[in-house]
């Protein structure tokens, strides 16, 4: 399985299975965390990262047979959070906007926290949802999806190595027989 970053983060067409979706989520969360340590660009970077988030969410929604427009459920809280971070940076920089922005930031901060919890729940739900087993209007089955009617293999940590045991066969010396 190969993942092309340009296609993953900059194109909203097609479908995306669960594994590449979670890899993309991890990459966006890590890059957002790194950028949040640079106060001057953290708010602007958050706004720029909305498009890669939209592309990732839209493709995953397409895999489940839903429209990519539903990604707005998670993107609106993300946009509010990015805008709040940008306003916080401006307020902390001082100047004439500080007196205007500080009262607004306190109230909007609680709204953004609640909206972010909802967005996180949406992303988790989308990452756990199963994709459609056949082609849909957004494309063929994603590469990591199981074929229709095929049983998905057990995770590696559950598979047991070695030959299967026959029923009724007991290994070891006979028990309960006199010598």
Foldseek 3Di string as FASTA:
>chain_A
DDDDVCQQQAPQFAADALVVLVVLVVVLVVVLVVLVVVLVCNLVVLVVSLRRQLSSQQRLCVQAVHGSVVLVLLSVLSNLVSVLSNLVSVLVVDDDCVVVRVVVSVVSVVVSVVSNVRSVVVSVVSSPDGGDQAADPRGGNDPPHDHPPDDDDDDPVPDDDDDDDDPPDDDDDDPDDDD
